[in-house]
Amino acid sequence: MVEIDEPVAVVASFYKGRVRPLKFKWNERVIPVKEVTYQWVQRDGLRRWYLFSVTDGKTLYNLSYEPQGQQWKLRAVETEGGI
């Protein structure tokens, strides 16, 4: 995994208390989320982050969403041949 830690624009579904990223923009490319492979919640005191491992079918991305600040970040990227 290559650490990225950059803010990204995300189109997501917010339905019945659940969050699901649908696509995001990184490096001037729109990346569709084909599958959410894993998701979890991380807490630090009162702050909470929703974390997602997602794939476009070729590359694995780690996204995070912090609802208090309504901010999405691309945390890391993993590909077979590098970025």
PDB file of N, CA and C in Angstrom:
ATOM      1  N   MET A   1       0.842  -1.184   0.000  1.00  0.00           N
ATOM      2  CA  MET A   1       0.000   0.000   0.000  1.00  0.00           C
ATOM      3  C   MET A   1       0.881   1.239   0.000  1.00  0.00           C
ATOM      4  N   VAL A   2       0.508   2.193  -0.828  1.00  0.00           N
ATOM      5  CA  VAL A   2       1.190   3.482  -0.869  1.00  0.00           C
ATOM      6  C   VAL A   2       0.301   4.497  -0.160  1.00  0.00           C
ATOM      7  N   GLU A   3       0.832   5.135   0.878  1.00  0.00           N
ATOM      8  CA  GLU A   3       0.080   6.146   1.617  1.00  0.00           C
ATOM      9  C   GLU A   3      -0.123   7.370   0.734  1.00  0.00           C
ATOM     10  N   ILE A   4      -1.357   7.896   0.712  1.00  0.00           N
ATOM     11  CA  ILE A   4      -1.682   9.068  -0.092  1.00  0.00           C
ATOM     12  C   ILE A   4      -2.102  10.226   0.817  1.00  0.00           C
ATOM     13  N   ASP A   5      -3.144  10.034   1.621  1.00  0.00           N
ATOM     14  CA  ASP A   5      -3.661  11.015   2.580  1.00  0.00           C
ATOM     15  C   ASP A   5      -3.980  12.361   1.927  1.00  0.00           C
ATOM     16  N   GLU A   6      -4.829  12.339   0.881  1.00  0.00           N
ATOM     17  CA  GLU A   6      -5.253  13.552   0.178  1.00  0.00           C
ATOM     18  C   GLU A   6      -6.774  13.675   0.218  1.00  0.00           C
ATOM     19  N   PRO A   7      -7.280  14.896   0.357  1.00  0.00           N
ATOM     20  CA  PRO A   7      -8.725  15.096   0.240  1.00  0.00           C
ATOM     21  C   PRO A   7      -9.184  14.735  -1.179  1.00  0.00           C
ATOM     22  N   VAL A   8     -10.360  14.119  -1.286  1.00  0.00           N
ATOM     23  CA  VAL A   8     -10.937  13.775  -2.587  1.00  0.00           C
ATOM     24  C   VAL A   8     -12.421  14.114  -2.581  1.00  0.00           C
ATOM     25  N   ALA A   9     -12.951  14.350  -3.778  1.00  0.00           N
ATOM     26  CA  ALA A   9     -14.390  14.556  -3.952  1.00  0.00           C
ATOM     27  C   ALA A   9     -15.015  13.190  -4.175  1.00  0.00           C
ATOM     28  N   VAL A  10     -16.081  12.894  -3.429  1.00  0.00           N
ATOM     29  CA  VAL A  10     -16.715  11.578  -3.483  1.00  0.00           C
ATOM     30  C   VAL A  10     -18.208  11.728  -3.706  1.00  0.00           C
ATOM     31  N   VAL A  11     -18.756  10.900  -4.592  1.00  0.00           N
ATOM     32  CA  VAL A  11     -20.202  10.753  -4.711  1.00  0.00           C
ATOM     33  C   VAL A  11     -20.539   9.516  -3.890  1.00  0.00           C
ATOM     34  N   ALA A  12     -21.438   9.690  -2.918  1.00  0.00           N
ATOM     35  CA  ALA A  12     -21.760   8.591  -2.010  1.00  0.00           C
ATOM     36  C   ALA A  12     -23.255   8.496  -1.784  1.00  0.00           C
ATOM     37  N   SER A  13     -23.673   7.332  -1.375  1.00  0.00           N
ATOM     38  CA  SER A  13     -25.060   7.089  -0.999  1.00  0.00           C
ATOM     39  C   SER A  13     -25.149   7.132   0.520  1.00  0.00           C
ATOM     40  N   PHE A  14     -26.093   7.913   1.024  1.00  0.00           N
ATOM     41  CA  PHE A  14     -26.381   7.969   2.452  1.00  0.00           C
ATOM     42  C   PHE A  14     -27.819   7.485   2.609  1.00  0.00           C
ATOM     43  N   TYR A  15     -27.982   6.253   3.091  1.00  0.00           N
ATOM     44  CA  TYR A  15     -29.315   5.661   3.142  1.00  0.00           C
ATOM     45  C   TYR A  15     -29.459   4.840   4.411  1.00  0.00           C
ATOM     46  N   LYS A  16     -30.500   5.137   5.176  1.00  0.00           N
ATOM     47  CA  LYS A  16     -30.815   4.418   6.417  1.00  0.00           C
ATOM     48  C   LYS A  16     -29.608   4.312   7.345  1.00  0.00           C
ATOM     49  N   GLY A  17     -28.892   5.441   7.513  1.00  0.00           N
ATOM     50  CA  GLY A  17     -27.765   5.477   8.422  1.00  0.00           C
ATOM     51  C   GLY A  17     -26.495   4.836   7.902  1.00  0.00           C
ATOM     52  N   ARG A  18     -26.497   4.413   6.655  1.00  0.00           N
ATOM     53  CA  ARG A  18     -25.312   3.783   6.073  1.00  0.00           C
ATOM     54  C   ARG A  18     -24.706   4.689   5.010  1.00  0.00           C
ATOM     55  N   VAL A  19     -23.393   4.629   4.897  1.00  0.00           N
ATOM     56  CA  VAL A  19     -22.652   5.408   3.912  1.00  0.00           C
ATOM     57  C   VAL A  19     -21.992   4.428   2.946  1.00  0.00           C
ATOM     58  N   ARG A  20     -22.100   4.722   1.636  1.00  0.00           N
ATOM     59  CA  ARG A  20     -21.442   3.875   0.641  1.00  0.00           C
ATOM     60  C   ARG A  20     -20.881   4.760  -0.465  1.00  0.00           C
ATOM     61  N   PRO A  21     -19.534   4.772  -0.622  1.00  0.00           N
ATOM     62  CA  PRO A  21     -18.958   5.539  -1.725  1.00  0.00           C
ATOM     63  C   PRO A  21     -19.299   4.898  -3.071  1.00  0.00           C
ATOM     64  N   LEU A  22     -19.668   5.713  -4.056  1.00  0.00           N
ATOM     65  CA  LEU A  22     -20.038   5.224  -5.381  1.00  0.00           C
ATOM     66  C   LEU A  22     -18.968   5.515  -6.430  1.00  0.00           C
ATOM     67  N   LYS A  23     -18.329   6.684  -6.308  1.00  0.00           N
ATOM     68  CA  LYS A  23     -17.211   7.051  -7.187  1.00  0.00           C
ATOM     69  C   LYS A  23     -16.487   8.222  -6.548  1.00  0.00           C
ATOM     70  N   PHE A  24     -15.228   8.436  -6.955  1.00  0.00           N
ATOM     71  CA  PHE A  24     -14.464   9.546  -6.422  1.00  0.00           C
ATOM     72  C   PHE A  24     -13.502  10.076  -7.479  1.00  0.00           C
ATOM     73  N   LYS A  25     -13.063  11.318  -7.269  1.00  0.00           N
ATOM     74  CA  LYS A  25     -12.160  11.963  -8.213  1.00  0.00           C
ATOM     75  C   LYS A  25     -10.787  12.110  -7.569  1.00  0.00           C
ATOM     76  N   TRP A  26      -9.770  11.587  -8.267  1.00  0.00           N
ATOM     77  CA  TRP A  26      -8.395  11.671  -7.798  1.00  0.00           C
ATOM     78  C   TRP A  26      -7.480  11.841  -9.006  1.00  0.00           C
ATOM     79  N   ASN A  27      -6.551  12.773  -8.926  1.00  0.00           N
ATOM     80  CA  ASN A  27      -5.621  13.053 -10.028  1.00  0.00           C
ATOM     81  C   ASN A  27      -6.347  13.293 -11.353  1.00  0.00           C
ATOM     82  N   GLU A  28      -7.407  14.092 -11.289  1.00  0.00           N
ATOM     83  CA  GLU A  28      -8.193  14.455 -12.482  1.00  0.00           C
ATOM     84  C   GLU A  28      -8.905  13.274 -13.139  1.00  0.00           C
ATOM     85  N   ARG A  29      -8.989  12.138 -12.447  1.00  0.00           N
ATOM     86  CA  ARG A  29      -9.706  10.961 -12.968  1.00  0.00           C
ATOM     87  C   ARG A  29     -10.883  10.656 -12.058  1.00  0.00           C
ATOM     88  N   VAL A  30     -11.997  10.254 -12.655  1.00  0.00           N
ATOM     89  CA  VAL A  30     -13.143   9.782 -11.891  1.00  0.00           C
ATOM     90  C   VAL A  30     -13.019   8.262 -11.799  1.00  0.00           C
ATOM     91  N   ILE A  31     -12.988   7.755 -10.588  1.00  0.00           N
ATOM     92  CA  ILE A  31     -12.790   6.331 -10.349  1.00  0.00           C
ATOM     93  C   ILE A  31     -14.086   5.740  -9.816  1.00  0.00           C
ATOM     94  N   PRO A  32     -14.705   4.830 -10.574  1.00  0.00           N
ATOM     95  CA  PRO A  32     -15.940   4.203 -10.098  1.00  0.00           C
ATOM     96  C   PRO A  32     -15.631   3.153  -9.042  1.00  0.00           C
ATOM     97  N   VAL A  33     -16.479   3.064  -8.028  1.00  0.00           N
ATOM     98  CA  VAL A  33     -16.325   2.039  -6.996  1.00  0.00           C
ATOM     99  C   VAL A  33     -17.130   0.826  -7.442  1.00  0.00           C
ATOM    100  N   LYS A  34     -16.429  -0.202  -7.863  1.00  0.00           N
ATOM    101  CA  LYS A  34     -17.082  -1.430  -8.310  1.00  0.00           C
ATOM    102  C   LYS A  34     -17.553  -2.254  -7.110  1.00  0.00           C
ATOM    103  N   GLU A  35     -16.740  -2.231  -6.020  1.00  0.00           N
ATOM    104  CA  GLU A  35     -17.076  -3.033  -4.838  1.00  0.00           C
ATOM    105  C   GLU A  35     -16.446  -2.424  -3.597  1.00  0.00           C
ATOM    106  N   VAL A  36     -17.200  -2.432  -2.500  1.00  0.00           N
ATOM    107  CA  VAL A  36     -16.648  -2.099  -1.188  1.00  0.00           C
ATOM    108  C   VAL A  36     -16.215  -3.438  -0.601  1.00  0.00           C
ATOM    109  N   THR A  37     -14.908  -3.638  -0.449  1.00  0.00           N
ATOM    110  CA  THR A  37     -14.405  -4.937   0.001  1.00  0.00           C
ATOM    111  C   THR A  37     -14.387  -5.067   1.516  1.00  0.00           C
ATOM    112  N   TYR A  38     -14.305  -3.937   2.221  1.00  0.00           N
ATOM    113  CA  TYR A  38     -14.300  -3.965   3.686  1.00  0.00           C
ATOM    114  C   TYR A  38     -14.624  -2.572   4.187  1.00  0.00           C
ATOM    115  N   GLN A  39     -15.313  -2.496   5.320  1.00  0.00           N
ATOM    116  CA  GLN A  39     -15.578  -1.192   5.926  1.00  0.00           C
ATOM    117  C   GLN A  39     -15.566  -1.328   7.439  1.00  0.00           C
ATOM    118  N   TRP A  40     -15.143  -0.247   8.127  1.00  0.00           N
ATOM    119  CA  TRP A  40     -15.067  -0.265   9.568  1.00  0.00           C
ATOM    120  C   TRP A  40     -15.143   1.169  10.079  1.00  0.00           C
ATOM    121  N   VAL A  41     -15.306   1.313  11.384  1.00  0.00           N
ATOM    122  CA  VAL A  41     -15.392   2.626  12.024  1.00  0.00           C
ATOM    123  C   VAL A  41     -14.209   2.759  12.979  1.00  0.00           C
ATOM    124  N   GLN A  42     -13.589   3.927  12.965  1.00  0.00           N
ATOM    125  CA  GLN A  42     -12.486   4.217  13.870  1.00  0.00           C
ATOM    126  C   GLN A  42     -12.895   5.408  14.715  1.00  0.00           C
ATOM    127  N   ARG A  43     -12.657   5.334  16.012  1.00  0.00           N
ATOM    128  CA  ARG A  43     -13.039   6.419  16.921  1.00  0.00           C
ATOM    129  C   ARG A  43     -11.816   6.982  17.628  1.00  0.00           C
ATOM    130  N   ASP A  44     -11.877   8.289  17.880  1.00  0.00           N
ATOM    131  CA  ASP A  44     -10.857   8.982  18.657  1.00  0.00           C
ATOM    132  C   ASP A  44     -11.604   9.970  19.536  1.00  0.00           C
ATOM    133  N   GLY A  45     -11.918   9.571  20.754  1.00  0.00           N
ATOM    134  CA  GLY A  45     -12.749  10.395  21.624  1.00  0.00           C
ATOM    135  C   GLY A  45     -14.138  10.519  21.019  1.00  0.00           C
ATOM    136  N   LEU A  46     -14.589  11.743  20.789  1.00  0.00           N
ATOM    137  CA  LEU A  46     -15.905  11.970  20.198  1.00  0.00           C
ATOM    138  C   LEU A  46     -15.890  11.926  18.673  1.00  0.00           C
ATOM    139  N   ARG A  47     -14.693  11.998  18.074  1.00  0.00           N
ATOM    140  CA  ARG A  47     -14.593  11.981  16.605  1.00  0.00           C
ATOM    141  C   ARG A  47     -14.691  10.547  16.102  1.00  0.00           C
ATOM    142  N   ARG A  48     -15.269  10.425  14.923  1.00  0.00           N
ATOM    143  CA  ARG A  48     -15.478   9.114  14.318  1.00  0.00           C
ATOM    144  C   ARG A  48     -15.189   9.204  12.825  1.00  0.00           C
ATOM    145  N   TRP A  49     -14.523   8.199  12.297  1.00  0.00           N
ATOM    146  CA  TRP A  49     -14.241   8.096  10.871  1.00  0.00           C
ATOM    147  C   TRP A  49     -14.820   6.799  10.358  1.00  0.00           C
ATOM    148  N   TYR A  50     -15.421   6.862   9.187  1.00  0.00           N
ATOM    149  CA  TYR A  50     -15.865   5.659   8.486  1.00  0.00           C
ATOM    150  C   TYR A  50     -14.785   5.354   7.456  1.00  0.00           C
ATOM    151  N   LEU A  51     -14.257   4.150   7.489  1.00  0.00           N
ATOM    152  CA  LEU A  51     -13.176   3.759   6.586  1.00  0.00           C
ATOM    153  C   LEU A  51     -13.659   2.674   5.643  1.00  0.00           C
ATOM    154  N   PHE A  52     -13.189   2.748   4.403  1.00  0.00           N
ATOM    155  CA  PHE A  52     -13.632   1.837   3.357  1.00  0.00           C
ATOM    156  C   PHE A  52     -12.436   1.356   2.541  1.00  0.00           C
ATOM    157  N   SER A  53     -12.381   0.078   2.283  1.00  0.00           N
ATOM    158  CA  SER A  53     -11.490  -0.464   1.257  1.00  0.00           C
ATOM    159  C   SER A  53     -12.386  -0.701   0.054  1.00  0.00           C
ATOM    160  N   VAL A  54     -12.041  -0.086  -1.074  1.00  0.00           N
ATOM    161  CA  VAL A  54     -12.869  -0.188  -2.277  1.00  0.00           C
ATOM    162  C   VAL A  54     -11.993  -0.544  -3.469  1.00  0.00           C
ATOM    163  N   THR A  55     -12.631  -1.097  -4.500  1.00  0.00           N
ATOM    164  CA  THR A  55     -11.896  -1.423  -5.714  1.00  0.00           C
ATOM    165  C   THR A  55     -12.682  -0.986  -6.943  1.00  0.00           C
ATOM    166  N   ASP A  56     -11.931  -0.653  -7.983  1.00  0.00           N
ATOM    167  CA  ASP A  56     -12.527  -0.372  -9.285  1.00  0.00           C
ATOM    168  C   ASP A  56     -12.414  -1.599 -10.183  1.00  0.00           C
ATOM    169  N   GLY A  57     -11.982  -2.710  -9.618  1.00  0.00           N
ATOM    170  CA  GLY A  57     -11.797  -3.950 -10.362  1.00  0.00           C
ATOM    171  C   GLY A  57     -10.335  -4.253 -10.639  1.00  0.00           C
ATOM    172  N   LYS A  58      -9.465  -3.239 -10.499  1.00  0.00           N
ATOM    173  CA  LYS A  58      -8.028  -3.413 -10.740  1.00  0.00           C
ATOM    174  C   LYS A  58      -7.185  -2.968  -9.551  1.00  0.00           C
ATOM    175  N   THR A  59      -7.598  -1.911  -8.907  1.00  0.00           N
ATOM    176  CA  THR A  59      -6.807  -1.263  -7.867  1.00  0.00           C
ATOM    177  C   THR A  59      -7.612  -1.221  -6.571  1.00  0.00           C
ATOM    178  N   LEU A  60      -6.923  -1.358  -5.442  1.00  0.00           N
ATOM    179  CA  LEU A  60      -7.550  -1.257  -4.132  1.00  0.00           C
ATOM    180  C   LEU A  60      -7.239   0.121  -3.559  1.00  0.00           C
ATOM    181  N   TYR A  61      -8.274   0.808  -3.074  1.00  0.00           N
ATOM    182  CA  TYR A  61      -8.143   2.141  -2.497  1.00  0.00           C
ATOM    183  C   TYR A  61      -8.688   2.124  -1.078  1.00  0.00           C
ATOM    184  N   ASN A  62      -8.078   2.889  -0.191  1.00  0.00           N
ATOM    185  CA  ASN A  62      -8.614   3.093   1.159  1.00  0.00           C
ATOM    186  C   ASN A  62      -9.114   4.523   1.258  1.00  0.00           C
ATOM    187  N   LEU A  63     -10.413   4.659   1.513  1.00  0.00           N
ATOM    188  CA  LEU A  63     -11.062   5.957   1.667  1.00  0.00           C
ATOM    189  C   LEU A  63     -11.510   6.128   3.109  1.00  0.00           C
ATOM    190  N   SER A  64     -11.584   7.370   3.562  1.00  0.00           N
ATOM    191  CA  SER A  64     -12.161   7.643   4.874  1.00  0.00           C
ATOM    192  C   SER A  64     -13.125   8.815   4.758  1.00  0.00           C
ATOM    193  N   TYR A  65     -14.156   8.774   5.621  1.00  0.00           N
ATOM    194  CA  TYR A  65     -15.139   9.855   5.683  1.00  0.00           C
ATOM    195  C   TYR A  65     -15.280  10.271   7.136  1.00  0.00           C
ATOM    196  N   GLU A  66     -15.146  11.566   7.389  1.00  0.00           N
ATOM    197  CA  GLU A  66     -15.297  12.116   8.727  1.00  0.00           C
ATOM    198  C   GLU A  66     -16.562  12.974   8.719  1.00  0.00           C
ATOM    199  N   PRO A  67     -17.660  12.468   9.306  1.00  0.00           N
ATOM    200  CA  PRO A  67     -18.950  13.154   9.184  1.00  0.00           C
ATOM    201  C   PRO A  67     -19.008  14.522   9.872  1.00  0.00           C
ATOM    202  N   GLN A  68     -18.270  14.718  10.938  1.00  0.00           N
ATOM    203  CA  GLN A  68     -18.324  15.994  11.640  1.00  0.00           C
ATOM    204  C   GLN A  68     -17.850  17.136  10.736  1.00  0.00           C
ATOM    205  N   GLY A  69     -16.774  16.915  10.004  1.00  0.00           N
ATOM    206  CA  GLY A  69     -16.271  17.927   9.068  1.00  0.00           C
ATOM    207  C   GLY A  69     -16.717  17.677   7.642  1.00  0.00           C
ATOM    208  N   GLN A  70     -17.465  16.591   7.426  1.00  0.00           N
ATOM    209  CA  GLN A  70     -17.939  16.175   6.101  1.00  0.00           C
ATOM    210  C   GLN A  70     -16.797  16.142   5.094  1.00  0.00           C
ATOM    211  N   GLN A  71     -15.708  15.475   5.482  1.00  0.00           N
ATOM    212  CA  GLN A  71     -14.529  15.419   4.627  1.00  0.00           C
ATOM    213  C   GLN A  71     -14.174  13.975   4.272  1.00  0.00           C
ATOM    214  N   TRP A  72     -13.926  13.760   2.979  1.00  0.00           N
ATOM    215  CA  TRP A  72     -13.445  12.484   2.464  1.00  0.00           C
ATOM    216  C   TRP A  72     -11.954  12.599   2.189  1.00  0.00           C
ATOM    217  N   LYS A  73     -11.220  11.506   2.438  1.00  0.00           N
ATOM    218  CA  LYS A  73      -9.796  11.449   2.093  1.00  0.00           C
ATOM    219  C   LYS A  73      -9.471  10.114   1.450  1.00  0.00           C
ATOM    220  N   LEU A  74      -8.564  10.166   0.508  1.00  0.00           N
ATOM    221  CA  LEU A  74      -7.961   8.952  -0.035  1.00  0.00           C
ATOM    222  C   LEU A  74      -6.746   8.690   0.836  1.00  0.00           C
ATOM    223  N   ARG A  75      -6.770   7.586   1.578  1.00  0.00           N
ATOM    224  CA  ARG A  75      -5.704   7.279   2.531  1.00  0.00           C
ATOM    225  C   ARG A  75      -4.551   6.512   1.894  1.00  0.00           C
ATOM    226  N   ALA A  76      -4.883   5.544   1.025  1.00  0.00           N
ATOM    227  CA  ALA A  76      -3.831   4.701   0.458  1.00  0.00           C
ATOM    228  C   ALA A  76      -4.320   4.036  -0.819  1.00  0.00           C
ATOM    229  N   VAL A  77      -3.358   3.580  -1.635  1.00  0.00           N
ATOM    230  CA  VAL A  77      -3.642   2.917  -2.917  1.00  0.00           C
ATOM    231  C   VAL A  77      -2.728   1.707  -3.028  1.00  0.00           C
ATOM    232  N   GLU A  78      -3.284   0.609  -3.548  1.00  0.00           N
ATOM    233  CA  GLU A  78      -2.484  -0.584  -3.791  1.00  0.00           C
ATOM    234  C   GLU A  78      -2.770  -1.127  -5.187  1.00  0.00           C
ATOM    235  N   THR A  79      -1.723  -1.265  -5.979  1.00  0.00           N
ATOM    236  CA  THR A  79      -1.844  -1.878  -7.301  1.00  0.00           C
ATOM    237  C   THR A  79      -0.768  -2.942  -7.431  1.00  0.00           C
ATOM    238  N   GLU A  80      -0.931  -3.815  -8.404  1.00  0.00           N
ATOM    239  CA  GLU A  80       0.067  -4.856  -8.624  1.00  0.00           C
ATOM    240  C   GLU A  80       1.361  -4.251  -9.142  1.00  0.00           C
ATOM    241  N   GLY A  81       1.259  -3.266 -10.017  1.00  0.00           N
ATOM    242  CA  GLY A  81       2.458  -2.693 -10.626  1.00  0.00           C
ATOM    243  C   GLY A  81       2.843  -1.333 -10.082  1.00  0.00           C
ATOM    244  N   GLY A  82       2.280  -0.911  -8.951  1.00  0.00           N
ATOM    245  CA  GLY A  82       2.550   0.410  -8.409  1.00  0.00           C
ATOM    246  C   GLY A  82       1.523   1.407  -8.911  1.00  0.00           C
ATOM    247  N   ILE A  83       1.687   2.657  -8.533  1.00  0.00           N
ATOM    248  CA  ILE A  83       0.708   3.689  -8.917  1.00  0.00           C
ATOM    249  C   ILE A  83       0.965   4.148 -10.327  1.00  0.00           C
TER     250      ILE A  83
END
